[in-house]
Amino acid sequence: TGEYKLRTYLFFGDQEIGAWYISPDPIIKFVNSTSRGLLDTVPESLREIRKLTGFEFGRFDYTVVDEEIVLFDMNKTPAVGPATLQLMSEQIKLGFANAVYDF
Protein backbone atom coordinates (compact mmCIF):
# COMPACT_ATOMS: atom_id res chain seq x y z
CA THR A 1 0.00 0.00 0.00
CA GLY A 2 1.00 3.58 -0.53
CA GLU A 3 -0.11 7.01 0.41
CA TYR A 4 -2.84 8.88 -1.41
CA LYS A 5 -3.11 12.65 -1.51
CA LEU A 6 -6.33 14.59 -1.94
CA ARG A 7 -6.42 18.32 -2.50
CA THR A 8 -9.45 20.51 -1.91
CA TYR A 9 -10.39 24.00 -3.04
CA LEU A 10 -12.98 25.60 -0.73
CA PHE A 11 -14.48 28.93 -1.70
CA PHE A 12 -17.26 31.43 -1.08
CA GLY A 13 -17.29 34.69 -2.97
CA ASP A 14 -13.77 36.12 -2.94
CA GLN A 15 -12.65 33.97 -0.01
CA GLU A 16 -10.83 30.74 -0.85
CA ILE A 17 -8.40 28.23 0.57
CA GLY A 18 -6.71 25.10 -0.63
CA ALA A 19 -5.92 22.14 1.62
CA TRP A 20 -4.33 18.71 1.26
CA TYR A 21 -4.93 15.40 3.02
CA ILE A 22 -2.85 12.21 2.96
CA SER A 23 -4.24 8.76 3.75
CA PRO A 24 -3.25 5.12 3.27
CA ASP A 25 -6.83 4.59 2.02
CA PRO A 26 -7.52 5.61 -1.60
CA ILE A 27 -10.92 6.98 -0.51
CA ILE A 28 -9.77 9.89 1.60
CA LYS A 29 -12.01 11.37 4.24
CA PHE A 30 -11.20 13.91 6.91
CA VAL A 31 -11.34 11.15 9.53
CA ASN A 32 -8.93 8.75 7.82
CA SER A 33 -6.29 11.29 6.84
CA THR A 34 -2.94 10.78 8.55
CA SER A 35 -1.63 14.25 7.76
CA ARG A 36 -3.08 17.46 6.39
CA GLY A 37 -2.17 21.05 5.65
CA LEU A 38 -2.98 24.18 3.72
CA LEU A 39 -1.81 24.74 0.15
CA ASP A 40 0.14 27.87 -0.71
CA THR A 41 -1.83 28.40 -3.90
CA VAL A 42 -4.92 27.22 -5.74
CA PRO A 43 -4.49 26.21 -9.40
CA GLU A 44 -5.78 28.89 -11.74
CA SER A 45 -7.46 26.20 -13.85
CA LEU A 46 -9.79 25.46 -10.90
CA ARG A 47 -10.73 29.14 -10.67
CA GLU A 48 -11.52 29.04 -14.38
CA ILE A 49 -13.74 25.96 -13.94
CA ARG A 50 -15.48 27.70 -11.05
CA LYS A 51 -16.14 30.76 -13.18
CA LEU A 52 -17.41 28.70 -16.14
CA THR A 53 -19.76 26.67 -13.94
CA GLY A 54 -21.05 29.65 -11.95
CA PHE A 55 -20.12 28.30 -8.51
CA GLU A 56 -20.36 31.05 -5.86
CA PHE A 57 -19.90 28.66 -2.94
CA GLY A 58 -18.48 25.17 -2.93
CA ARG A 59 -15.59 22.76 -2.77
CA PHE A 60 -13.69 21.01 -5.52
CA ASP A 61 -11.79 17.82 -4.70
CA TYR A 62 -8.85 17.04 -6.93
CA THR A 63 -5.37 15.59 -7.23
CA VAL A 64 -2.39 16.20 -9.48
CA VAL A 65 -1.03 13.49 -11.78
CA ASP A 66 2.01 14.25 -13.94
CA GLU A 67 1.46 17.97 -13.25
CA GLU A 68 -2.14 17.77 -14.55
CA ILE A 69 -5.17 18.59 -12.39
CA VAL A 70 -7.58 15.65 -12.01
CA LEU A 71 -10.92 16.92 -10.69
CA PHE A 72 -12.91 14.32 -8.72
CA ASP A 73 -15.86 16.25 -7.35
CA MET A 74 -17.55 19.64 -7.61
CA ASN A 75 -19.78 20.13 -4.60
CA LYS A 76 -22.19 23.04 -4.10
CA THR A 77 -22.97 21.93 -0.53
CA PRO A 78 -19.57 21.22 0.99
CA ALA A 79 -18.99 20.07 4.52
CA VAL A 80 -16.04 21.37 6.46
CA GLY A 81 -14.90 18.91 9.07
CA PRO A 82 -12.97 19.53 12.25
CA ALA A 83 -9.69 18.61 10.55
CA THR A 84 -10.12 21.46 8.07
CA LEU A 85 -11.33 23.91 10.70
CA GLN A 86 -8.20 23.19 12.74
CA LEU A 87 -6.07 24.17 9.74
CA MET A 88 -7.85 27.50 9.27
CA SER A 89 -6.54 30.57 11.01
CA GLU A 90 -9.00 32.90 12.70
CA GLN A 91 -8.37 35.31 9.81
CA ILE A 92 -9.47 32.71 7.24
CA LYS A 93 -12.56 31.84 9.30
CA LEU A 94 -13.41 35.54 9.57
CA GLY A 95 -12.95 35.89 5.81
CA PHE A 96 -15.52 33.14 5.20
CA ALA A 97 -17.87 34.69 7.75
CA ASN A 98 -17.58 38.03 5.94
CA ALA A 99 -18.27 36.29 2.62
CA VAL A 100 -21.51 34.95 4.09
CA TYR A 101 -22.40 38.42 5.34
CA ASP A 102 -21.61 40.01 1.95
CA PHE A 103 -23.67 37.39 0.15
PDB file of N, CA and C in Angstrom:
ATOM      1  N   THR A   1       0.838  -1.191   0.000  1.00  0.00           N
ATOM      2  CA  THR A   1       0.000   0.000   0.000  1.00  0.00           C
ATOM      3  C   THR A   1       0.872   1.239   0.000  1.00  0.00           C
ATOM      4  N   GLY A   2       0.286   2.319  -0.472  1.00  0.00           N
ATOM      5  CA  GLY A   2       0.995   3.576  -0.526  1.00  0.00           C
ATOM      6  C   GLY A   2       0.228   4.657   0.189  1.00  0.00           C
ATOM      7  N   GLU A   3       0.599   5.866  -0.131  1.00  0.00           N
ATOM      8  CA  GLU A   3      -0.110   7.013   0.406  1.00  0.00           C
ATOM      9  C   GLU A   3      -0.834   7.708  -0.731  1.00  0.00           C
ATOM     10  N   TYR A   4      -2.020   8.170  -0.431  1.00  0.00           N
ATOM     11  CA  TYR A   4      -2.835   8.877  -1.407  1.00  0.00           C
ATOM     12  C   TYR A   4      -3.009  10.305  -0.926  1.00  0.00           C
ATOM     13  N   LYS A   5      -3.014  11.237  -1.862  1.00  0.00           N
ATOM     14  CA  LYS A   5      -3.111  12.653  -1.514  1.00  0.00           C
ATOM     15  C   LYS A   5      -4.302  13.279  -2.229  1.00  0.00           C
ATOM     16  N   LEU A   6      -5.178  13.861  -1.437  1.00  0.00           N
ATOM     17  CA  LEU A   6      -6.335  14.588  -1.937  1.00  0.00           C
ATOM     18  C   LEU A   6      -6.112  16.066  -1.684  1.00  0.00           C
ATOM     19  N   ARG A   7      -6.469  16.867  -2.662  1.00  0.00           N
ATOM     20  CA  ARG A   7      -6.422  18.319  -2.496  1.00  0.00           C
ATOM     21  C   ARG A   7      -7.844  18.844  -2.602  1.00  0.00           C
ATOM     22  N   THR A   8      -8.128  19.900  -1.853  1.00  0.00           N
ATOM     23  CA  THR A   8      -9.448  20.513  -1.908  1.00  0.00           C
ATOM     24  C   THR A   8      -9.304  22.007  -2.130  1.00  0.00           C
ATOM     25  N   TYR A   9     -10.291  22.562  -2.791  1.00  0.00           N
ATOM     26  CA  TYR A   9     -10.386  23.999  -3.041  1.00  0.00           C
ATOM     27  C   TYR A   9     -11.752  24.410  -2.509  1.00  0.00           C
ATOM     28  N   LEU A  10     -11.758  25.145  -1.386  1.00  0.00           N
ATOM     29  CA  LEU A  10     -12.983  25.596  -0.734  1.00  0.00           C
ATOM     30  C   LEU A  10     -13.119  27.088  -0.973  1.00  0.00           C
ATOM     31  N   PHE A  11     -14.318  27.519  -1.352  1.00  0.00           N
ATOM     32  CA  PHE A  11     -14.482  28.933  -1.704  1.00  0.00           C
ATOM     33  C   PHE A  11     -15.902  29.424  -1.424  1.00  0.00           C
ATOM     34  N   PHE A  12     -15.988  30.726  -1.209  1.00  0.00           N
ATOM     35  CA  PHE A  12     -17.264  31.426  -1.080  1.00  0.00           C
ATOM     36  C   PHE A  12     -16.976  32.875  -1.430  1.00  0.00           C
ATOM     37  N   GLY A  13     -17.571  33.328  -2.517  1.00  0.00           N
ATOM     38  CA  GLY A  13     -17.286  34.693  -2.966  1.00  0.00           C
ATOM     39  C   GLY A  13     -15.805  34.832  -3.265  1.00  0.00           C
ATOM     40  N   ASP A  14     -15.196  35.874  -2.710  1.00  0.00           N
ATOM     41  CA  ASP A  14     -13.768  36.122  -2.937  1.00  0.00           C
ATOM     42  C   ASP A  14     -12.860  35.340  -1.995  1.00  0.00           C
ATOM     43  N   GLN A  15     -13.451  34.717  -0.994  1.00  0.00           N
ATOM     44  CA  GLN A  15     -12.655  33.968  -0.010  1.00  0.00           C
ATOM     45  C   GLN A  15     -12.396  32.560  -0.535  1.00  0.00           C
ATOM     46  N   GLU A  16     -11.164  32.090  -0.402  1.00  0.00           N
ATOM     47  CA  GLU A  16     -10.830  30.740  -0.854  1.00  0.00           C
ATOM     48  C   GLU A  16      -9.626  30.217  -0.099  1.00  0.00           C
ATOM     49  N   ILE A  17      -9.585  28.896   0.035  1.00  0.00           N
ATOM     50  CA  ILE A  17      -8.400  28.228   0.575  1.00  0.00           C
ATOM     51  C   ILE A  17      -8.224  26.904  -0.152  1.00  0.00           C
ATOM     52  N   GLY A  18      -7.021  26.425  -0.124  1.00  0.00           N
ATOM     53  CA  GLY A  18      -6.711  25.100  -0.626  1.00  0.00           C
ATOM     54  C   GLY A  18      -6.110  24.290   0.508  1.00  0.00           C
ATOM     55  N   ALA A  19      -6.455  23.024   0.583  1.00  0.00           N
ATOM     56  CA  ALA A  19      -5.921  22.140   1.620  1.00  0.00           C
ATOM     57  C   ALA A  19      -5.545  20.806   0.997  1.00  0.00           C
ATOM     58  N   TRP A  20      -4.706  20.051   1.698  1.00  0.00           N
ATOM     59  CA  TRP A  20      -4.333  18.707   1.255  1.00  0.00           C
ATOM     60  C   TRP A  20      -4.469  17.733   2.418  1.00  0.00           C
ATOM     61  N   TYR A  21      -4.744  16.478   2.057  1.00  0.00           N
ATOM     62  CA  TYR A  21      -4.930  15.398   3.022  1.00  0.00           C
ATOM     63  C   TYR A  21      -4.225  14.159   2.482  1.00  0.00           C
ATOM     64  N   ILE A  22      -3.525  13.453   3.343  1.00  0.00           N
ATOM     65  CA  ILE A  22      -2.851  12.214   2.963  1.00  0.00           C
ATOM     66  C   ILE A  22      -3.451  11.080   3.781  1.00  0.00           C
ATOM     67  N   SER A  23      -3.659   9.930   3.104  1.00  0.00           N
ATOM     68  CA  SER A  23      -4.239   8.764   3.754  1.00  0.00           C
ATOM     69  C   SER A  23      -3.686   7.497   3.112  1.00  0.00           C
ATOM     70  N   PRO A  24      -3.614   6.403   3.877  1.00  0.00           N
ATOM     71  CA  PRO A  24      -3.253   5.121   3.271  1.00  0.00           C
ATOM     72  C   PRO A  24      -4.427   4.526   2.491  1.00  0.00           C
ATOM     73  N   ASP A  25      -5.612   5.054   2.691  1.00  0.00           N
ATOM     74  CA  ASP A  25      -6.829   4.588   2.020  1.00  0.00           C
ATOM     75  C   ASP A  25      -7.049   5.425   0.757  1.00  0.00           C
ATOM     76  N   PRO A  26      -7.308   4.823  -0.387  1.00  0.00           N
ATOM     77  CA  PRO A  26      -7.518   5.613  -1.600  1.00  0.00           C
ATOM     78  C   PRO A  26      -8.790   6.469  -1.562  1.00  0.00           C
ATOM     79  N   ILE A  27      -9.736   6.133  -0.698  1.00  0.00           N
ATOM     80  CA  ILE A  27     -10.918   6.978  -0.511  1.00  0.00           C
ATOM     81  C   ILE A  27     -10.654   7.814   0.732  1.00  0.00           C
ATOM     82  N   ILE A  28     -10.230   9.040   0.505  1.00  0.00           N
ATOM     83  CA  ILE A  28      -9.766   9.894   1.597  1.00  0.00           C
ATOM     84  C   ILE A  28     -10.924  10.698   2.170  1.00  0.00           C
ATOM     85  N   LYS A  29     -11.046  10.592   3.475  1.00  0.00           N
ATOM     86  CA  LYS A  29     -12.014  11.368   4.243  1.00  0.00           C
ATOM     87  C   LYS A  29     -11.225  12.151   5.288  1.00  0.00           C
ATOM     88  N   PHE A  30     -11.866  13.157   5.853  1.00  0.00           N
ATOM     89  CA  PHE A  30     -11.196  13.911   6.910  1.00  0.00           C
ATOM     90  C   PHE A  30     -10.743  12.980   8.032  1.00  0.00           C
ATOM     91  N   VAL A  31     -11.605  12.008   8.372  1.00  0.00           N
ATOM     92  CA  VAL A  31     -11.336  11.147   9.532  1.00  0.00           C
ATOM     93  C   VAL A  31     -10.247  10.111   9.291  1.00  0.00           C
ATOM     94  N   ASN A  32      -9.966   9.750   8.041  1.00  0.00           N
ATOM     95  CA  ASN A  32      -8.930   8.745   7.819  1.00  0.00           C
ATOM     96  C   ASN A  32      -7.627   9.348   7.296  1.00  0.00           C
ATOM     97  N   SER A  33      -7.532  10.667   7.282  1.00  0.00           N
ATOM     98  CA  SER A  33      -6.286  11.290   6.840  1.00  0.00           C
ATOM     99  C   SER A  33      -5.252  11.221   7.966  1.00  0.00           C
ATOM    100  N   THR A  34      -4.029  10.899   7.583  1.00  0.00           N
ATOM    101  CA  THR A  34      -2.945  10.781   8.553  1.00  0.00           C
ATOM    102  C   THR A  34      -2.150  12.067   8.684  1.00  0.00           C
ATOM    103  N   SER A  35      -2.235  12.927   7.680  1.00  0.00           N
ATOM    104  CA  SER A  35      -1.634  14.254   7.764  1.00  0.00           C
ATOM    105  C   SER A  35      -2.412  15.179   6.846  1.00  0.00           C
ATOM    106  N   ARG A  36      -2.300  16.471   7.134  1.00  0.00           N
ATOM    107  CA  ARG A  36      -3.077  17.462   6.392  1.00  0.00           C
ATOM    108  C   ARG A  36      -2.404  18.822   6.524  1.00  0.00           C
ATOM    109  N   GLY A  37      -2.732  19.700   5.597  1.00  0.00           N
ATOM    110  CA  GLY A  37      -2.170  21.051   5.655  1.00  0.00           C
ATOM    111  C   GLY A  37      -2.853  21.951   4.646  1.00  0.00           C
ATOM    112  N   LEU A  38      -2.452  23.210   4.667  1.00  0.00           N
ATOM    113  CA  LEU A  38      -2.984  24.176   3.717  1.00  0.00           C
ATOM    114  C   LEU A  38      -2.037  24.304   2.530  1.00  0.00           C
ATOM    115  N   LEU A  39      -2.597  24.504   1.363  1.00  0.00           N
ATOM    116  CA  LEU A  39      -1.810  24.736   0.153  1.00  0.00           C
ATOM    117  C   LEU A  39      -1.421  26.205   0.082  1.00  0.00           C
ATOM    118  N   ASP A  40      -0.291  26.484  -0.526  1.00  0.00           N
ATOM    119  CA  ASP A  40       0.138  27.871  -0.708  1.00  0.00           C
ATOM    120  C   ASP A  40      -0.679  28.573  -1.783  1.00  0.00           C
ATOM    121  N   THR A  41      -1.078  27.815  -2.797  1.00  0.00           N
ATOM    122  CA  THR A  41      -1.828  28.402  -3.904  1.00  0.00           C
ATOM    123  C   THR A  41      -2.916  27.440  -4.371  1.00  0.00           C
ATOM    124  N   VAL A  42      -3.856  27.999  -5.100  1.00  0.00           N
ATOM    125  CA  VAL A  42      -4.916  27.221  -5.743  1.00  0.00           C
ATOM    126  C   VAL A  42      -4.664  27.299  -7.248  1.00  0.00           C
ATOM    127  N   PRO A  43      -4.729  26.178  -7.951  1.00  0.00           N
ATOM    128  CA  PRO A  43      -4.487  26.211  -9.396  1.00  0.00           C
ATOM    129  C   PRO A  43      -5.471  27.149 -10.119  1.00  0.00           C
ATOM    130  N   GLU A  44      -4.953  27.952 -10.977  1.00  0.00           N
ATOM    131  CA  GLU A  44      -5.782  28.891 -11.740  1.00  0.00           C
ATOM    132  C   GLU A  44      -6.828  28.155 -12.575  1.00  0.00           C
ATOM    133  N   SER A  45      -6.495  26.959 -13.043  1.00  0.00           N
ATOM    134  CA  SER A  45      -7.462  26.197 -13.851  1.00  0.00           C
ATOM    135  C   SER A  45      -8.726  25.888 -13.048  1.00  0.00           C
ATOM    136  N   LEU A  46      -8.600  25.698 -11.723  1.00  0.00           N
ATOM    137  CA  LEU A  46      -9.791  25.459 -10.903  1.00  0.00           C
ATOM    138  C   LEU A  46     -10.634  26.725 -10.781  1.00  0.00           C
ATOM    139  N   ARG A  47      -9.987  27.861 -10.686  1.00  0.00           N
ATOM    140  CA  ARG A  47     -10.727  29.136 -10.667  1.00  0.00           C
ATOM    141  C   ARG A  47     -11.488  29.328 -11.986  1.00  0.00           C
ATOM    142  N   GLU A  48     -10.866  28.932 -13.078  1.00  0.00           N
ATOM    143  CA  GLU A  48     -11.524  29.041 -14.384  1.00  0.00           C
ATOM    144  C   GLU A  48     -12.744  28.125 -14.456  1.00  0.00           C
ATOM    145  N   ILE A  49     -12.604  26.886 -13.963  1.00  0.00           N
ATOM    146  CA  ILE A  49     -13.739  25.962 -13.942  1.00  0.00           C
ATOM    147  C   ILE A  49     -14.850  26.535 -13.081  1.00  0.00           C
ATOM    148  N   ARG A  50     -14.487  27.084 -11.941  1.00  0.00           N
ATOM    149  CA  ARG A  50     -15.479  27.698 -11.046  1.00  0.00           C
ATOM    150  C   ARG A  50     -16.238  28.812 -11.766  1.00  0.00           C
ATOM    151  N   LYS A  51     -15.511  29.645 -12.464  1.00  0.00           N
ATOM    152  CA  LYS A  51     -16.141  30.763 -13.184  1.00  0.00           C
ATOM    153  C   LYS A  51     -17.071  30.240 -14.286  1.00  0.00           C
ATOM    154  N   LEU A  52     -16.606  29.261 -15.051  1.00  0.00           N
ATOM    155  CA  LEU A  52     -17.407  28.701 -16.142  1.00  0.00           C
ATOM    156  C   LEU A  52     -18.680  28.014 -15.651  1.00  0.00           C
ATOM    157  N   THR A  53     -18.606  27.399 -14.471  1.00  0.00           N
ATOM    158  CA  THR A  53     -19.757  26.673 -13.939  1.00  0.00           C
ATOM    159  C   THR A  53     -20.661  27.529 -13.055  1.00  0.00           C
ATOM    160  N   GLY A  54     -20.218  28.742 -12.732  1.00  0.00           N
ATOM    161  CA  GLY A  54     -21.046  29.645 -11.945  1.00  0.00           C
ATOM    162  C   GLY A  54     -21.118  29.330 -10.462  1.00  0.00           C
ATOM    163  N   PHE A  55     -20.141  28.606  -9.945  1.00  0.00           N
ATOM    164  CA  PHE A  55     -20.121  28.302  -8.511  1.00  0.00           C
ATOM    165  C   PHE A  55     -19.779  29.556  -7.710  1.00  0.00           C
ATOM    166  N   GLU A  56     -20.647  29.951  -6.792  1.00  0.00           N
ATOM    167  CA  GLU A  56     -20.357  31.053  -5.864  1.00  0.00           C
ATOM    168  C   GLU A  56     -19.785  30.491  -4.565  1.00  0.00           C
ATOM    169  N   PHE A  57     -20.293  29.317  -4.184  1.00  0.00           N
ATOM    170  CA  PHE A  57     -19.905  28.661  -2.943  1.00  0.00           C
ATOM    171  C   PHE A  57     -19.712  27.187  -3.233  1.00  0.00           C
ATOM    172  N   GLY A  58     -18.651  26.584  -2.703  1.00  0.00           N
ATOM    173  CA  GLY A  58     -18.483  25.166  -2.928  1.00  0.00           C
ATOM    174  C   GLY A  58     -17.109  24.650  -2.583  1.00  0.00           C
ATOM    175  N   ARG A  59     -16.886  23.407  -2.961  1.00  0.00           N
ATOM    176  CA  ARG A  59     -15.594  22.763  -2.770  1.00  0.00           C
ATOM    177  C   ARG A  59     -15.342  21.838  -3.944  1.00  0.00           C
ATOM    178  N   PHE A  60     -14.145  21.921  -4.482  1.00  0.00           N
ATOM    179  CA  PHE A  60     -13.687  21.013  -5.515  1.00  0.00           C
ATOM    180  C   PHE A  60     -12.653  20.084  -4.887  1.00  0.00           C
ATOM    181  N   ASP A  61     -12.775  18.800  -5.129  1.00  0.00           N
ATOM    182  CA  ASP A  61     -11.789  17.817  -4.696  1.00  0.00           C
ATOM    183  C   ASP A  61     -11.000  17.382  -5.921  1.00  0.00           C
ATOM    184  N   TYR A  62      -9.686  17.358  -5.780  1.00  0.00           N
ATOM    185  CA  TYR A  62      -8.847  17.043  -6.935  1.00  0.00           C
ATOM    186  C   TYR A  62      -7.516  16.471  -6.486  1.00  0.00           C
ATOM    187  N   THR A  63      -6.748  15.994  -7.448  1.00  0.00           N
ATOM    188  CA  THR A  63      -5.375  15.593  -7.226  1.00  0.00           C
ATOM    189  C   THR A  63      -4.555  16.073  -8.421  1.00  0.00           C
ATOM    190  N   VAL A  64      -3.275  15.814  -8.380  1.00  0.00           N
ATOM    191  CA  VAL A  64      -2.387  16.195  -9.477  1.00  0.00           C
ATOM    192  C   VAL A  64      -1.635  14.943  -9.914  1.00  0.00           C
ATOM    193  N   VAL A  65      -1.725  14.633 -11.201  1.00  0.00           N
ATOM    194  CA  VAL A  65      -1.030  13.488 -11.784  1.00  0.00           C
ATOM    195  C   VAL A  65      -0.203  13.997 -12.952  1.00  0.00           C
ATOM    196  N   ASP A  66       1.103  13.770 -12.881  1.00  0.00           N
ATOM    197  CA  ASP A  66       2.007  14.247 -13.937  1.00  0.00           C
ATOM    198  C   ASP A  66       1.770  15.723 -14.245  1.00  0.00           C
ATOM    199  N   GLU A  67       1.643  16.517 -13.180  1.00  0.00           N
ATOM    200  CA  GLU A  67       1.462  17.973 -13.251  1.00  0.00           C
ATOM    201  C   GLU A  67       0.128  18.398 -13.860  1.00  0.00           C
ATOM    202  N   GLU A  68      -0.802  17.469 -14.023  1.00  0.00           N
ATOM    203  CA  GLU A  68      -2.138  17.772 -14.546  1.00  0.00           C
ATOM    204  C   GLU A  68      -3.158  17.656 -13.415  1.00  0.00           C
ATOM    205  N   ILE A  69      -4.101  18.617 -13.379  1.00  0.00           N
ATOM    206  CA  ILE A  69      -5.174  18.592 -12.392  1.00  0.00           C
ATOM    207  C   ILE A  69      -6.182  17.509 -12.784  1.00  0.00           C
ATOM    208  N   VAL A  70      -6.539  16.655 -11.823  1.00  0.00           N
ATOM    209  CA  VAL A  70      -7.577  15.646 -12.012  1.00  0.00           C
ATOM    210  C   VAL A  70      -8.680  15.982 -11.009  1.00  0.00           C
ATOM    211  N   LEU A  71      -9.807  16.493 -11.525  1.00  0.00           N
ATOM    212  CA  LEU A  71     -10.916  16.917 -10.691  1.00  0.00           C
ATOM    213  C   LEU A  71     -11.833  15.733 -10.411  1.00  0.00           C
ATOM    214  N   PHE A  72     -12.056  15.440  -9.120  1.00  0.00           N
ATOM    215  CA  PHE A  72     -12.908  14.315  -8.718  1.00  0.00           C
ATOM    216  C   PHE A  72     -14.344  14.737  -8.473  1.00  0.00           C
ATOM    217  N   ASP A  73     -14.523  15.879  -7.822  1.00  0.00           N
ATOM    218  CA  ASP A  73     -15.855  16.248  -7.346  1.00  0.00           C
ATOM    219  C   ASP A  73     -15.998  17.758  -7.309  1.00  0.00           C
ATOM    220  N   MET A  74     -17.173  18.224  -7.695  1.00  0.00           N
ATOM    221  CA  MET A  74     -17.547  19.636  -7.607  1.00  0.00           C
ATOM    222  C   MET A  74     -18.812  19.680  -6.762  1.00  0.00           C
ATOM    223  N   ASN A  75     -18.698  20.208  -5.560  1.00  0.00           N
ATOM    224  CA  ASN A  75     -19.777  20.125  -4.599  1.00  0.00           C
ATOM    225  C   ASN A  75     -20.290  21.513  -4.233  1.00  0.00           C
ATOM    226  N   LYS A  76     -21.587  21.757  -4.454  1.00  0.00           N
ATOM    227  CA  LYS A  76     -22.194  23.040  -4.105  1.00  0.00           C
ATOM    228  C   LYS A  76     -22.664  23.090  -2.655  1.00  0.00           C
ATOM    229  N   THR A  77     -22.575  21.970  -1.946  1.00  0.00           N
ATOM    230  CA  THR A  77     -22.970  21.933  -0.533  1.00  0.00           C
ATOM    231  C   THR A  77     -21.867  21.253   0.269  1.00  0.00           C
ATOM    232  N   PRO A  78     -20.694  21.882   0.342  1.00  0.00           N
ATOM    233  CA  PRO A  78     -19.566  21.217   0.987  1.00  0.00           C
ATOM    234  C   PRO A  78     -19.687  21.181   2.506  1.00  0.00           C
ATOM    235  N   ALA A  79     -19.139  20.151   3.068  1.00  0.00           N
ATOM    236  CA  ALA A  79     -18.987  20.067   4.518  1.00  0.00           C
ATOM    237  C   ALA A  79     -17.541  20.414   4.853  1.00  0.00           C
ATOM    238  N   VAL A  80     -17.374  21.058   5.967  1.00  0.00           N
ATOM    239  CA  VAL A  80     -16.036  21.369   6.456  1.00  0.00           C
ATOM    240  C   VAL A  80     -15.909  20.684   7.804  1.00  0.00           C
ATOM    241  N   GLY A  81     -15.060  19.680   7.842  1.00  0.00           N
ATOM    242  CA  GLY A  81     -14.900  18.908   9.069  1.00  0.00           C
ATOM    243  C   GLY A  81     -13.938  19.555  10.039  1.00  0.00           C
ATOM    244  N   PRO A  82     -13.847  18.981  11.224  1.00  0.00           N
ATOM    245  CA  PRO A  82     -12.968  19.531  12.250  1.00  0.00           C
ATOM    246  C   PRO A  82     -11.506  19.581  11.820  1.00  0.00           C
ATOM    247  N   ALA A  83     -11.076  18.620  11.008  1.00  0.00           N
ATOM    248  CA  ALA A  83      -9.687  18.607  10.554  1.00  0.00           C
ATOM    249  C   ALA A  83      -9.385  19.856   9.730  1.00  0.00           C
ATOM    250  N   THR A  84     -10.321  20.254   8.881  1.00  0.00           N
ATOM    251  CA  THR A  84     -10.123  21.458   8.065  1.00  0.00           C
ATOM    252  C   THR A  84     -10.226  22.711   8.922  1.00  0.00           C
ATOM    253  N   LEU A  85     -11.187  22.743   9.816  1.00  0.00           N
ATOM    254  CA  LEU A  85     -11.329  23.909  10.696  1.00  0.00           C
ATOM    255  C   LEU A  85     -10.080  24.134  11.529  1.00  0.00           C
ATOM    256  N   GLN A  86      -9.432  23.063  11.958  1.00  0.00           N
ATOM    257  CA  GLN A  86      -8.202  23.191  12.738  1.00  0.00           C
ATOM    258  C   GLN A  86      -7.079  23.821  11.921  1.00  0.00           C
ATOM    259  N   LEU A  87      -7.104  23.604  10.609  1.00  0.00           N
ATOM    260  CA  LEU A  87      -6.075  24.173   9.743  1.00  0.00           C
ATOM    261  C   LEU A  87      -6.268  25.669   9.517  1.00  0.00           C
ATOM    262  N   MET A  88      -7.513  26.115   9.602  1.00  0.00           N
ATOM    263  CA  MET A  88      -7.847  27.502   9.267  1.00  0.00           C
ATOM    264  C   MET A  88      -7.474  28.458  10.401  1.00  0.00           C
ATOM    265  N   SER A  89      -6.811  29.523  10.035  1.00  0.00           N
ATOM    266  CA  SER A  89      -6.535  30.573  11.009  1.00  0.00           C
ATOM    267  C   SER A  89      -7.835  31.325  11.301  1.00  0.00           C
ATOM    268  N   GLU A  90      -7.823  32.082  12.368  1.00  0.00           N
ATOM    269  CA  GLU A  90      -8.996  32.896  12.695  1.00  0.00           C
ATOM    270  C   GLU A  90      -9.267  33.898  11.573  1.00  0.00           C
ATOM    271  N   GLN A  91      -8.219  34.368  10.920  1.00  0.00           N
ATOM    272  CA  GLN A  91      -8.372  35.314   9.808  1.00  0.00           C
ATOM    273  C   GLN A  91      -9.118  34.665   8.639  1.00  0.00           C
ATOM    274  N   ILE A  92      -8.787  33.417   8.323  1.00  0.00           N
ATOM    275  CA  ILE A  92      -9.467  32.709   7.236  1.00  0.00           C
ATOM    276  C   ILE A  92     -10.938  32.493   7.607  1.00  0.00           C
ATOM    277  N   LYS A  93     -11.182  32.052   8.844  1.00  0.00           N
ATOM    278  CA  LYS A  93     -12.561  31.840   9.296  1.00  0.00           C
ATOM    279  C   LYS A  93     -13.355  33.139   9.227  1.00  0.00           C
ATOM    280  N   LEU A  94     -12.742  34.238   9.645  1.00  0.00           N
ATOM    281  CA  LEU A  94     -13.408  35.540   9.575  1.00  0.00           C
ATOM    282  C   LEU A  94     -13.675  35.924   8.123  1.00  0.00           C
ATOM    283  N   GLY A  95     -12.749  35.608   7.229  1.00  0.00           N
ATOM    284  CA  GLY A  95     -12.953  35.886   5.809  1.00  0.00           C
ATOM    285  C   GLY A  95     -14.169  35.155   5.256  1.00  0.00           C
ATOM    286  N   PHE A  96     -14.341  33.901   5.640  1.00  0.00           N
ATOM    287  CA  PHE A  96     -15.520  33.145   5.201  1.00  0.00           C
ATOM    288  C   PHE A  96     -16.793  33.710   5.833  1.00  0.00           C
ATOM    289  N   ALA A  97     -16.715  34.095   7.087  1.00  0.00           N
ATOM    290  CA  ALA A  97     -17.875  34.694   7.751  1.00  0.00           C
ATOM    291  C   ALA A  97     -18.274  35.989   7.052  1.00  0.00           C
ATOM    292  N   ASN A  98     -17.300  36.788   6.663  1.00  0.00           N
ATOM    293  CA  ASN A  98     -17.581  38.032   5.942  1.00  0.00           C
ATOM    294  C   ASN A  98     -18.163  37.740   4.550  1.00  0.00           C
ATOM    295  N   ALA A  99     -17.704  36.674   3.920  1.00  0.00           N
ATOM    296  CA  ALA A  99     -18.267  36.292   2.615  1.00  0.00           C
ATOM    297  C   ALA A  99     -19.737  35.953   2.751  1.00  0.00           C
ATOM    298  N   VAL A 100     -20.096  35.255   3.828  1.00  0.00           N
ATOM    299  CA  VAL A 100     -21.506  34.945   4.087  1.00  0.00           C
ATOM    300  C   VAL A 100     -22.284  36.240   4.282  1.00  0.00           C
ATOM    301  N   TYR A 101     -21.736  37.137   5.068  1.00  0.00           N
ATOM    302  CA  TYR A 101     -22.395  38.417   5.339  1.00  0.00           C
ATOM    303  C   TYR A 101     -22.588  39.209   4.030  1.00  0.00           C
ATOM    304  N   ASP A 102     -21.545  39.269   3.220  1.00  0.00           N
ATOM    305  CA  ASP A 102     -21.613  40.013   1.948  1.00  0.00           C
ATOM    306  C   ASP A 102     -22.612  39.404   0.989  1.00  0.00           C
ATOM    307  N   PHE A 103     -22.760  38.081   1.027  1.00  0.00           N
ATOM    308  CA  PHE A 103     -23.671  37.387   0.154  1.00  0.00           C
ATOM    309  C   PHE A 103     -25.116  37.796   0.452  1.00  0.00           C
TER     310      PHE A 103
END
